[in-house]
Amino acid sequence: MVHPTDEWFWVALWYDGTTMKHFVNGVEELSGTVNFNPMTDGEMSIGVRLNQVHWFKGQISELRFHKRALDVSELQTDCACLPTSYIINYSTKQDKL
């Protein structure tokens, strides 16, 4: 699904050990069974592949990780807090943590 540019979107990936779901603005858009073992130790990246290609072209306001798959109602409650304006503009390509 293609979404318009120049708008904020709330996005969540949900995984319960068997099924992966993709939510945009509190609405489930995709779901399917996946078979992989999540990493325990190692590198990860947000907004770009580990090989430093295909950078995310946009801004990320907030990022959260949970130790459990949240209920859909918890996701939808969190989604109700979409930002209405930019707070800080970071350059993701040059500024690294």
PDB file of N, CA and C in Angstrom:
ATOM      1  N   MET A   1       0.843  -1.171   0.000  1.00  0.00           N
ATOM      2  CA  MET A   1       0.000   0.000   0.000  1.00  0.00           C
ATOM      3  C   MET A   1       0.894   1.242   0.000  1.00  0.00           C
ATOM      4  N   VAL A   2       0.540   2.232  -0.791  1.00  0.00           N
ATOM      5  CA  VAL A   2       1.301   3.474  -0.877  1.00  0.00           C
ATOM      6  C   VAL A   2       0.583   4.540  -0.062  1.00  0.00           C
ATOM      7  N   HIS A   3       1.359   5.289   0.728  1.00  0.00           N
ATOM      8  CA  HIS A   3       0.797   6.346   1.559  1.00  0.00           C
ATOM      9  C   HIS A   3       1.293   7.697   1.061  1.00  0.00           C
ATOM     10  N   PRO A   4       0.512   8.751   1.241  1.00  0.00           N
ATOM     11  CA  PRO A   4       0.935  10.073   0.781  1.00  0.00           C
ATOM     12  C   PRO A   4       2.178  10.566   1.526  1.00  0.00           C
ATOM     13  N   THR A   5       2.906  11.464   0.893  1.00  0.00           N
ATOM     14  CA  THR A   5       4.077  12.067   1.526  1.00  0.00           C
ATOM     15  C   THR A   5       3.651  13.315   2.289  1.00  0.00           C
ATOM     16  N   ASP A   6       4.570  13.877   3.057  1.00  0.00           N
ATOM     17  CA  ASP A   6       4.340  15.093   3.834  1.00  0.00           C
ATOM     18  C   ASP A   6       3.226  14.964   4.872  1.00  0.00           C
ATOM     19  N   GLU A   7       3.066  13.757   5.405  1.00  0.00           N
ATOM     20  CA  GLU A   7       2.107  13.522   6.484  1.00  0.00           C
ATOM     21  C   GLU A   7       2.757  12.623   7.521  1.00  0.00           C
ATOM     22  N   TRP A   8       2.342  12.766   8.801  1.00  0.00           N
ATOM     23  CA  TRP A   8       2.800  11.869   9.849  1.00  0.00           C
ATOM     24  C   TRP A   8       1.982  10.597   9.782  1.00  0.00           C
ATOM     25  N   PHE A   9       2.634   9.466  10.009  1.00  0.00           N
ATOM     26  CA  PHE A   9       1.949   8.187  10.113  1.00  0.00           C
ATOM     27  C   PHE A   9       2.452   7.472  11.351  1.00  0.00           C
ATOM     28  N   TRP A  10       1.560   6.834  12.028  1.00  0.00           N
ATOM     29  CA  TRP A  10       1.897   5.981  13.161  1.00  0.00           C
ATOM     30  C   TRP A  10       2.005   4.575  12.604  1.00  0.00           C
ATOM     31  N   VAL A  11       3.144   3.917  12.800  1.00  0.00           N
ATOM     32  CA  VAL A  11       3.389   2.593  12.228  1.00  0.00           C
ATOM     33  C   VAL A  11       3.832   1.643  13.330  1.00  0.00           C
ATOM     34  N   ALA A  12       3.316   0.429  13.289  1.00  0.00           N
ATOM     35  CA  ALA A  12       3.721  -0.591  14.260  1.00  0.00           C
ATOM     36  C   ALA A  12       3.910  -1.923  13.555  1.00  0.00           C
ATOM     37  N   LEU A  13       4.958  -2.629  13.948  1.00  0.00           N
ATOM     38  CA  LEU A  13       5.160  -4.015  13.544  1.00  0.00           C
ATOM     39  C   LEU A  13       4.925  -4.867  14.783  1.00  0.00           C
ATOM     40  N   TRP A  14       4.131  -5.885  14.645  1.00  0.00           N
ATOM     41  CA  TRP A  14       3.713  -6.721  15.760  1.00  0.00           C
ATOM     42  C   TRP A  14       4.105  -8.150  15.441  1.00  0.00           C
ATOM     43  N   TYR A  15       4.786  -8.828  16.372  1.00  0.00           N
ATOM     44  CA  TYR A  15       5.209 -10.211  16.151  1.00  0.00           C
ATOM     45  C   TYR A  15       5.010 -10.997  17.433  1.00  0.00           C
ATOM     46  N   ASP A  16       4.304 -12.106  17.346  1.00  0.00           N
ATOM     47  CA  ASP A  16       4.031 -12.916  18.529  1.00  0.00           C
ATOM     48  C   ASP A  16       4.784 -14.243  18.540  1.00  0.00           C
ATOM     49  N   GLY A  17       5.783 -14.371  17.678  1.00  0.00           N
ATOM     50  CA  GLY A  17       6.541 -15.616  17.585  1.00  0.00           C
ATOM     51  C   GLY A  17       6.113 -16.470  16.403  1.00  0.00           C
ATOM     52  N   THR A  18       4.971 -16.151  15.819  1.00  0.00           N
ATOM     53  CA  THR A  18       4.454 -16.886  14.669  1.00  0.00           C
ATOM     54  C   THR A  18       3.972 -15.943  13.569  1.00  0.00           C
ATOM     55  N   THR A  19       3.187 -14.959  13.956  1.00  0.00           N
ATOM     56  CA  THR A  19       2.545 -14.064  13.001  1.00  0.00           C
ATOM     57  C   THR A  19       3.137 -12.656  13.089  1.00  0.00           C
ATOM     58  N   MET A  20       3.381 -12.037  11.933  1.00  0.00           N
ATOM     59  CA  MET A  20       3.826 -10.640  11.855  1.00  0.00           C
ATOM     60  C   MET A  20       2.650  -9.831  11.320  1.00  0.00           C
ATOM     61  N   LYS A  21       2.373  -8.697  11.967  1.00  0.00           N
ATOM     62  CA  LYS A  21       1.320  -7.789  11.518  1.00  0.00           C
ATOM     63  C   LYS A  21       1.911  -6.404  11.356  1.00  0.00           C
ATOM     64  N   HIS A  22       1.383  -5.675  10.397  1.00  0.00           N
ATOM     65  CA  HIS A  22       1.826  -4.314  10.097  1.00  0.00           C
ATOM     66  C   HIS A  22       0.617  -3.399  10.238  1.00  0.00           C
ATOM     67  N   PHE A  23       0.731  -2.393  11.120  1.00  0.00           N
ATOM     68  CA  PHE A  23      -0.347  -1.449  11.358  1.00  0.00           C
ATOM     69  C   PHE A  23       0.079  -0.052  10.912  1.00  0.00           C
ATOM     70  N   VAL A  24      -0.830   0.683  10.313  1.00  0.00           N
ATOM     71  CA  VAL A  24      -0.620   2.090   9.985  1.00  0.00           C
ATOM     72  C   VAL A  24      -1.813   2.859  10.537  1.00  0.00           C
ATOM     73  N   ASN A  25      -1.523   3.849  11.376  1.00  0.00           N
ATOM     74  CA  ASN A  25      -2.552   4.665  12.025  1.00  0.00           C
ATOM     75  C   ASN A  25      -3.603   3.810  12.730  1.00  0.00           C
ATOM     76  N   GLY A  26      -3.140   2.725  13.376  1.00  0.00           N
ATOM     77  CA  GLY A  26      -4.026   1.884  14.167  1.00  0.00           C
ATOM     78  C   GLY A  26      -4.809   0.851  13.390  1.00  0.00           C
ATOM     79  N   VAL A  27      -4.637   0.795  12.073  1.00  0.00           N
ATOM     80  CA  VAL A  27      -5.373  -0.147  11.237  1.00  0.00           C
ATOM     81  C   VAL A  27      -4.403  -1.201  10.710  1.00  0.00           C
ATOM     82  N   GLU A  28      -4.761  -2.465  10.876  1.00  0.00           N
ATOM     83  CA  GLU A  28      -3.926  -3.550  10.369  1.00  0.00           C
ATOM     84  C   GLU A  28      -3.984  -3.554   8.839  1.00  0.00           C
ATOM     85  N   GLU A  29      -2.802  -3.459   8.210  1.00  0.00           N
ATOM     86  CA  GLU A  29      -2.735  -3.452   6.747  1.00  0.00           C
ATOM     87  C   GLU A  29      -2.249  -4.778   6.185  1.00  0.00           C
ATOM     88  N   LEU A  30      -1.325  -5.428   6.867  1.00  0.00           N
ATOM     89  CA  LEU A  30      -0.752  -6.683   6.389  1.00  0.00           C
ATOM     90  C   LEU A  30      -0.584  -7.634   7.555  1.00  0.00           C
ATOM     91  N   SER A  31      -0.674  -8.924   7.269  1.00  0.00           N
ATOM     92  CA  SER A  31      -0.333  -9.920   8.285  1.00  0.00           C
ATOM     93  C   SER A  31       0.011 -11.221   7.581  1.00  0.00           C
ATOM     94  N   GLY A  32       0.821 -12.015   8.240  1.00  0.00           N
ATOM     95  CA  GLY A  32       1.184 -13.303   7.675  1.00  0.00           C
ATOM     96  C   GLY A  32       2.060 -14.073   8.631  1.00  0.00           C
ATOM     97  N   THR A  33       2.150 -15.352   8.383  1.00  0.00           N
ATOM     98  CA  THR A  33       2.995 -16.220   9.187  1.00  0.00           C
ATOM     99  C   THR A  33       4.435 -16.065   8.738  1.00  0.00           C
ATOM    100  N   VAL A  34       5.330 -15.879   9.682  1.00  0.00           N
ATOM    101  CA  VAL A  34       6.752 -15.784   9.375  1.00  0.00           C
ATOM    102  C   VAL A  34       7.492 -16.809  10.228  1.00  0.00           C
ATOM    103  N   ASN A  35       8.573 -17.302   9.690  1.00  0.00           N
ATOM    104  CA  ASN A  35       9.353 -18.317  10.373  1.00  0.00           C
ATOM    105  C   ASN A  35      10.789 -17.834  10.500  1.00  0.00           C
ATOM    106  N   PHE A  36      11.099 -17.151  11.587  1.00  0.00           N
ATOM    107  CA  PHE A  36      12.465 -16.729  11.851  1.00  0.00           C
ATOM    108  C   PHE A  36      12.666 -16.603  13.347  1.00  0.00           C
ATOM    109  N   ASN A  37      13.897 -16.657  13.743  1.00  0.00           N
ATOM    110  CA  ASN A  37      14.251 -16.480  15.143  1.00  0.00           C
ATOM    111  C   ASN A  37      14.780 -15.073  15.332  1.00  0.00           C
ATOM    112  N   PRO A  38      14.136 -14.278  16.173  1.00  0.00           N
ATOM    113  CA  PRO A  38      14.650 -12.926  16.421  1.00  0.00           C
ATOM    114  C   PRO A  38      16.080 -12.972  16.962  1.00  0.00           C
ATOM    115  N   MET A  39      16.864 -11.963  16.605  1.00  0.00           N
ATOM    116  CA  MET A  39      18.251 -11.880  17.080  1.00  0.00           C
ATOM    117  C   MET A  39      18.270 -11.633  18.577  1.00  0.00           C
ATOM    118  N   THR A  40      19.264 -12.193  19.239  1.00  0.00           N
ATOM    119  CA  THR A  40      19.445 -11.917  20.651  1.00  0.00           C
ATOM    120  C   THR A  40      20.576 -10.922  20.857  1.00  0.00           C
ATOM    121  N   ASP A  41      21.688 -11.123  20.194  1.00  0.00           N
ATOM    122  CA  ASP A  41      22.816 -10.208  20.254  1.00  0.00           C
ATOM    123  C   ASP A  41      23.219  -9.873  18.826  1.00  0.00           C
ATOM    124  N   GLY A  42      23.759  -8.700  18.635  1.00  0.00           N
ATOM    125  CA  GLY A  42      24.250  -8.343  17.314  1.00  0.00           C
ATOM    126  C   GLY A  42      23.852  -6.934  16.933  1.00  0.00           C
ATOM    127  N   GLU A  43      24.159  -6.599  15.716  1.00  0.00           N
ATOM    128  CA  GLU A  43      23.886  -5.258  15.217  1.00  0.00           C
ATOM    129  C   GLU A  43      22.442  -5.140  14.747  1.00  0.00           C
ATOM    130  N   MET A  44      21.950  -3.937  14.790  1.00  0.00           N
ATOM    131  CA  MET A  44      20.659  -3.614  14.205  1.00  0.00           C
ATOM    132  C   MET A  44      20.698  -2.180  13.733  1.00  0.00           C
ATOM    133  N   SER A  45      19.790  -1.830  12.876  1.00  0.00           N
ATOM    134  CA  SER A  45      19.718  -0.456  12.408  1.00  0.00           C
ATOM    135  C   SER A  45      18.268  -0.041  12.282  1.00  0.00           C
ATOM    136  N   ILE A  46      18.027   1.237  12.389  1.00  0.00           N
ATOM    137  CA  ILE A  46      16.699   1.819  12.237  1.00  0.00           C
ATOM    138  C   ILE A  46      16.795   2.828  11.104  1.00  0.00           C
ATOM    139  N   GLY A  47      15.979   2.674  10.097  1.00  0.00           N
ATOM    140  CA  GLY A  47      15.947   3.644   9.005  1.00  0.00           C
ATOM    141  C   GLY A  47      16.894   3.343   7.857  1.00  0.00           C
ATOM    142  N   VAL A  48      17.642   2.256   7.941  1.00  0.00           N
ATOM    143  CA  VAL A  48      18.547   1.858   6.861  1.00  0.00           C
ATOM    144  C   VAL A  48      18.898   0.384   7.053  1.00  0.00           C
ATOM    145  N   ARG A  49      19.196  -0.272   5.947  1.00  0.00           N
ATOM    146  CA  ARG A  49      19.657  -1.651   6.047  1.00  0.00           C
ATOM    147  C   ARG A  49      21.038  -1.689   6.689  1.00  0.00           C
ATOM    148  N   LEU A  50      21.408  -2.829   7.227  1.00  0.00           N
ATOM    149  CA  LEU A  50      22.719  -2.958   7.864  1.00  0.00           C
ATOM    150  C   LEU A  50      23.866  -2.667   6.903  1.00  0.00           C
ATOM    151  N   ASN A  51      23.653  -2.888   5.602  1.00  0.00           N
ATOM    152  CA  ASN A  51      24.722  -2.626   4.631  1.00  0.00           C
ATOM    153  C   ASN A  51      24.751  -1.153   4.179  1.00  0.00           C
ATOM    154  N   GLN A  52      24.032  -0.296   4.880  1.00  0.00           N
ATOM    155  CA  GLN A  52      24.044   1.159   4.669  1.00  0.00           C
ATOM    156  C   GLN A  52      23.475   1.592   3.315  1.00  0.00           C
ATOM    157  N   VAL A  53      22.555   0.830   2.738  1.00  0.00           N
ATOM    158  CA  VAL A  53      21.865   1.237   1.519  1.00  0.00           C
ATOM    159  C   VAL A  53      20.365   1.309   1.797  1.00  0.00           C
ATOM    160  N   HIS A  54      19.640   1.976   0.937  1.00  0.00           N
ATOM    161  CA  HIS A  54      18.181   2.139   1.046  1.00  0.00           C
ATOM    162  C   HIS A  54      17.792   2.862   2.341  1.00  0.00           C
ATOM    163  N   TRP A  55      18.278   4.081   2.493  1.00  0.00           N
ATOM    164  CA  TRP A  55      17.964   4.919   3.652  1.00  0.00           C
ATOM    165  C   TRP A  55      16.490   5.278   3.663  1.00  0.00           C
ATOM    166  N   PHE A  56      15.901   5.317   4.832  1.00  0.00           N
ATOM    167  CA  PHE A  56      14.533   5.787   5.020  1.00  0.00           C
ATOM    168  C   PHE A  56      14.502   7.277   4.727  1.00  0.00           C
ATOM    169  N   LYS A  57      13.623   7.706   3.860  1.00  0.00           N
ATOM    170  CA  LYS A  57      13.529   9.118   3.484  1.00  0.00           C
ATOM    171  C   LYS A  57      12.358   9.738   4.233  1.00  0.00           C
ATOM    172  N   GLY A  58      12.632  10.198   5.411  1.00  0.00           N
ATOM    173  CA  GLY A  58      11.587  10.783   6.240  1.00  0.00           C
ATOM    174  C   GLY A  58      12.121  11.050   7.628  1.00  0.00           C
ATOM    175  N   GLN A  59      11.215  11.205   8.562  1.00  0.00           N
ATOM    176  CA  GLN A  59      11.596  11.470   9.941  1.00  0.00           C
ATOM    177  C   GLN A  59      10.909  10.476  10.854  1.00  0.00           C
ATOM    178  N   ILE A  60      11.608  10.064  11.901  1.00  0.00           N
ATOM    179  CA  ILE A  60      11.056   9.166  12.905  1.00  0.00           C
ATOM    180  C   ILE A  60      10.938   9.959  14.191  1.00  0.00           C
ATOM    181  N   SER A  61       9.736  10.067  14.699  1.00  0.00           N
ATOM    182  CA  SER A  61       9.499  10.867  15.894  1.00  0.00           C
ATOM    183  C   SER A  61       9.800  10.082  17.161  1.00  0.00           C
ATOM    184  N   GLU A  62       9.435   8.826  17.185  1.00  0.00           N
ATOM    185  CA  GLU A  62       9.567   8.044  18.410  1.00  0.00           C
ATOM    186  C   GLU A  62       9.696   6.576  18.042  1.00  0.00           C
ATOM    187  N   LEU A  63      10.460   5.842  18.820  1.00  0.00           N
ATOM    188  CA  LEU A  63      10.675   4.421  18.565  1.00  0.00           C
ATOM    189  C   LEU A  63      10.562   3.671  19.880  1.00  0.00           C
ATOM    190  N   ARG A  64       9.807   2.571  19.876  1.00  0.00           N
ATOM    191  CA  ARG A  64       9.635   1.782  21.099  1.00  0.00           C
ATOM    192  C   ARG A  64       9.796   0.300  20.792  1.00  0.00           C
ATOM    193  N   PHE A  65      10.362  -0.425  21.736  1.00  0.00           N
ATOM    194  CA  PHE A  65      10.439  -1.877  21.687  1.00  0.00           C
ATOM    195  C   PHE A  65       9.768  -2.405  22.950  1.00  0.00           C
ATOM    196  N   HIS A  66       9.025  -3.494  22.818  1.00  0.00           N
ATOM    197  CA  HIS A  66       8.369  -4.116  23.953  1.00  0.00           C
ATOM    198  C   HIS A  66       8.789  -5.578  24.016  1.00  0.00           C
ATOM    199  N   LYS A  67       8.775  -6.141  25.212  1.00  0.00           N
ATOM    200  CA  LYS A  67       9.157  -7.551  25.385  1.00  0.00           C
ATOM    201  C   LYS A  67       8.015  -8.502  25.068  1.00  0.00           C
ATOM    202  N   ARG A  68       6.861  -7.967  24.752  1.00  0.00           N
ATOM    203  CA  ARG A  68       5.702  -8.795  24.428  1.00  0.00           C
ATOM    204  C   ARG A  68       4.923  -8.142  23.288  1.00  0.00           C
ATOM    205  N   ALA A  69       4.109  -8.937  22.636  1.00  0.00           N
ATOM    206  CA  ALA A  69       3.230  -8.394  21.597  1.00  0.00           C
ATOM    207  C   ALA A  69       2.072  -7.687  22.294  1.00  0.00           C
ATOM    208  N   LEU A  70       1.916  -6.393  22.031  1.00  0.00           N
ATOM    209  CA  LEU A  70       0.826  -5.635  22.635  1.00  0.00           C
ATOM    210  C   LEU A  70      -0.511  -6.067  22.043  1.00  0.00           C
ATOM    211  N   ASP A  71      -1.574  -5.906  22.821  1.00  0.00           N
ATOM    212  CA  ASP A  71      -2.916  -6.145  22.291  1.00  0.00           C
ATOM    213  C   ASP A  71      -3.222  -5.073  21.252  1.00  0.00           C
ATOM    214  N   VAL A  72      -4.095  -5.400  20.320  1.00  0.00           N
ATOM    215  CA  VAL A  72      -4.475  -4.436  19.293  1.00  0.00           C
ATOM    216  C   VAL A  72      -5.057  -3.177  19.940  1.00  0.00           C
ATOM    217  N   SER A  73      -5.812  -3.320  21.013  1.00  0.00           N
ATOM    218  CA  SER A  73      -6.388  -2.148  21.690  1.00  0.00           C
ATOM    219  C   SER A  73      -5.289  -1.260  22.273  1.00  0.00           C
ATOM    220  N   GLU A  74      -4.185  -1.860  22.753  1.00  0.00           N
ATOM    221  CA  GLU A  74      -3.061  -1.075  23.256  1.00  0.00           C
ATOM    222  C   GLU A  74      -2.392  -0.310  22.115  1.00  0.00           C
ATOM    223  N   LEU A  75      -2.254  -0.946  20.962  1.00  0.00           N
ATOM    224  CA  LEU A  75      -1.680  -0.268  19.798  1.00  0.00           C
ATOM    225  C   LEU A  75      -2.556   0.901  19.368  1.00  0.00           C
ATOM    226  N   GLN A  76      -3.858   0.676  19.331  1.00  0.00           N
ATOM    227  CA  GLN A  76      -4.771   1.723  18.885  1.00  0.00           C
ATOM    228  C   GLN A  76      -4.807   2.895  19.863  1.00  0.00           C
ATOM    229  N   THR A  77      -4.692   2.629  21.151  1.00  0.00           N
ATOM    230  CA  THR A  77      -4.624   3.708  22.144  1.00  0.00           C
ATOM    231  C   THR A  77      -3.366   4.529  21.938  1.00  0.00           C
ATOM    232  N   ASP A  78      -2.235   3.854  21.719  1.00  0.00           N
ATOM    233  CA  ASP A  78      -0.977   4.546  21.471  1.00  0.00           C
ATOM    234  C   ASP A  78      -1.048   5.354  20.180  1.00  0.00           C
ATOM    235  N   CYS A  79      -1.724   4.846  19.188  1.00  0.00           N
ATOM    236  CA  CYS A  79      -1.840   5.505  17.892  1.00  0.00           C
ATOM    237  C   CYS A  79      -2.569   6.838  17.999  1.00  0.00           C
ATOM    238  N   ALA A  80      -3.433   6.989  18.978  1.00  0.00           N
ATOM    239  CA  ALA A  80      -4.217   8.220  19.124  1.00  0.00           C
ATOM    240  C   ALA A  80      -3.336   9.427  19.435  1.00  0.00           C
ATOM    241  N   CYS A  81      -2.032   9.227  19.643  1.00  0.00           N
ATOM    242  CA  CYS A  81      -1.128  10.313  20.014  1.00  0.00           C
ATOM    243  C   CYS A  81      -0.245  10.757  18.849  1.00  0.00           C
ATOM    244  N   LEU A  82      -0.763  10.802  17.637  1.00  0.00           N
ATOM    245  CA  LEU A  82       0.034  11.239  16.489  1.00  0.00           C
ATOM    246  C   LEU A  82       0.476  12.687  16.667  1.00  0.00           C
ATOM    247  N   PRO A  83       1.735  13.009  16.367  1.00  0.00           N
ATOM    248  CA  PRO A  83       2.195  14.398  16.476  1.00  0.00           C
ATOM    249  C   PRO A  83       1.530  15.277  15.417  1.00  0.00           C
ATOM    250  N   THR A  84       1.420  16.543  15.702  1.00  0.00           N
ATOM    251  CA  THR A  84       0.809  17.474  14.754  1.00  0.00           C
ATOM    252  C   THR A  84       1.847  18.372  14.093  1.00  0.00           C
ATOM    253  N   SER A  85       3.088  18.341  14.569  1.00  0.00           N
ATOM    254  CA  SER A  85       4.131  19.157  13.950  1.00  0.00           C
ATOM    255  C   SER A  85       5.488  18.530  14.238  1.00  0.00           C
ATOM    256  N   TYR A  86       6.499  18.987  13.510  1.00  0.00           N
ATOM    257  CA  TYR A  86       7.854  18.511  13.731  1.00  0.00           C
ATOM    258  C   TYR A  86       8.384  19.081  15.036  1.00  0.00           C
ATOM    259  N   ILE A  87       9.139  18.288  15.758  1.00  0.00           N
ATOM    260  CA  ILE A  87       9.746  18.752  16.994  1.00  0.00           C
ATOM    261  C   ILE A  87      11.216  19.060  16.756  1.00  0.00           C
ATOM    262  N   ILE A  88      11.967  18.095  16.248  1.00  0.00           N
ATOM    263  CA  ILE A  88      13.390  18.258  15.960  1.00  0.00           C
ATOM    264  C   ILE A  88      13.677  17.564  14.634  1.00  0.00           C
ATOM    265  N   ASN A  89      14.526  18.137  13.836  1.00  0.00           N
ATOM    266  CA  ASN A  89      14.888  17.537  12.563  1.00  0.00           C
ATOM    267  C   ASN A  89      16.330  17.046  12.635  1.00  0.00           C
ATOM    268  N   TYR A  90      16.526  15.731  12.697  1.00  0.00           N
ATOM    269  CA  TYR A  90      17.858  15.146  12.723  1.00  0.00           C
ATOM    270  C   TYR A  90      18.216  14.628  11.337  1.00  0.00           C
ATOM    271  N   SER A  91      19.472  14.668  10.986  1.00  0.00           N
ATOM    272  CA  SER A  91      19.959  14.065   9.755  1.00  0.00           C
ATOM    273  C   SER A  91      20.351  12.631  10.060  1.00  0.00           C
ATOM    274  N   THR A  92      19.542  11.675   9.618  1.00  0.00           N
ATOM    275  CA  THR A  92      19.811  10.276   9.946  1.00  0.00           C
ATOM    276  C   THR A  92      21.008   9.730   9.204  1.00  0.00           C
ATOM    277  N   LYS A  93      21.395  10.345   8.099  1.00  0.00           N
ATOM    278  CA  LYS A  93      22.498   9.804   7.308  1.00  0.00           C
ATOM    279  C   LYS A  93      23.860  10.174   7.892  1.00  0.00           C
ATOM    280  N   GLN A  94      23.973  11.295   8.547  1.00  0.00           N
ATOM    281  CA  GLN A  94      25.272  11.746   9.031  1.00  0.00           C
ATOM    282  C   GLN A  94      25.417  11.611  10.541  1.00  0.00           C
ATOM    283  N   ASP A  95      24.336  11.739  11.270  1.00  0.00           N
ATOM    284  CA  ASP A  95      24.409  11.653  12.729  1.00  0.00           C
ATOM    285  C   ASP A  95      24.181  10.208  13.141  1.00  0.00           C
ATOM    286  N   LYS A  96      25.168   9.619  13.779  1.00  0.00           N
ATOM    287  CA  LYS A  96      25.055   8.240  14.229  1.00  0.00           C
ATOM    288  C   LYS A  96      25.250   8.182  15.724  1.00  0.00           C
ATOM    289  N   LEU A  97      24.534   7.262  16.355  1.00  0.00           N
ATOM    290  CA  LEU A  97      24.672   7.087  17.804  1.00  0.00           C
ATOM    291  C   LEU A  97      25.865   6.226  18.106  1.00  0.00           C
TER     292      LEU A  97
END
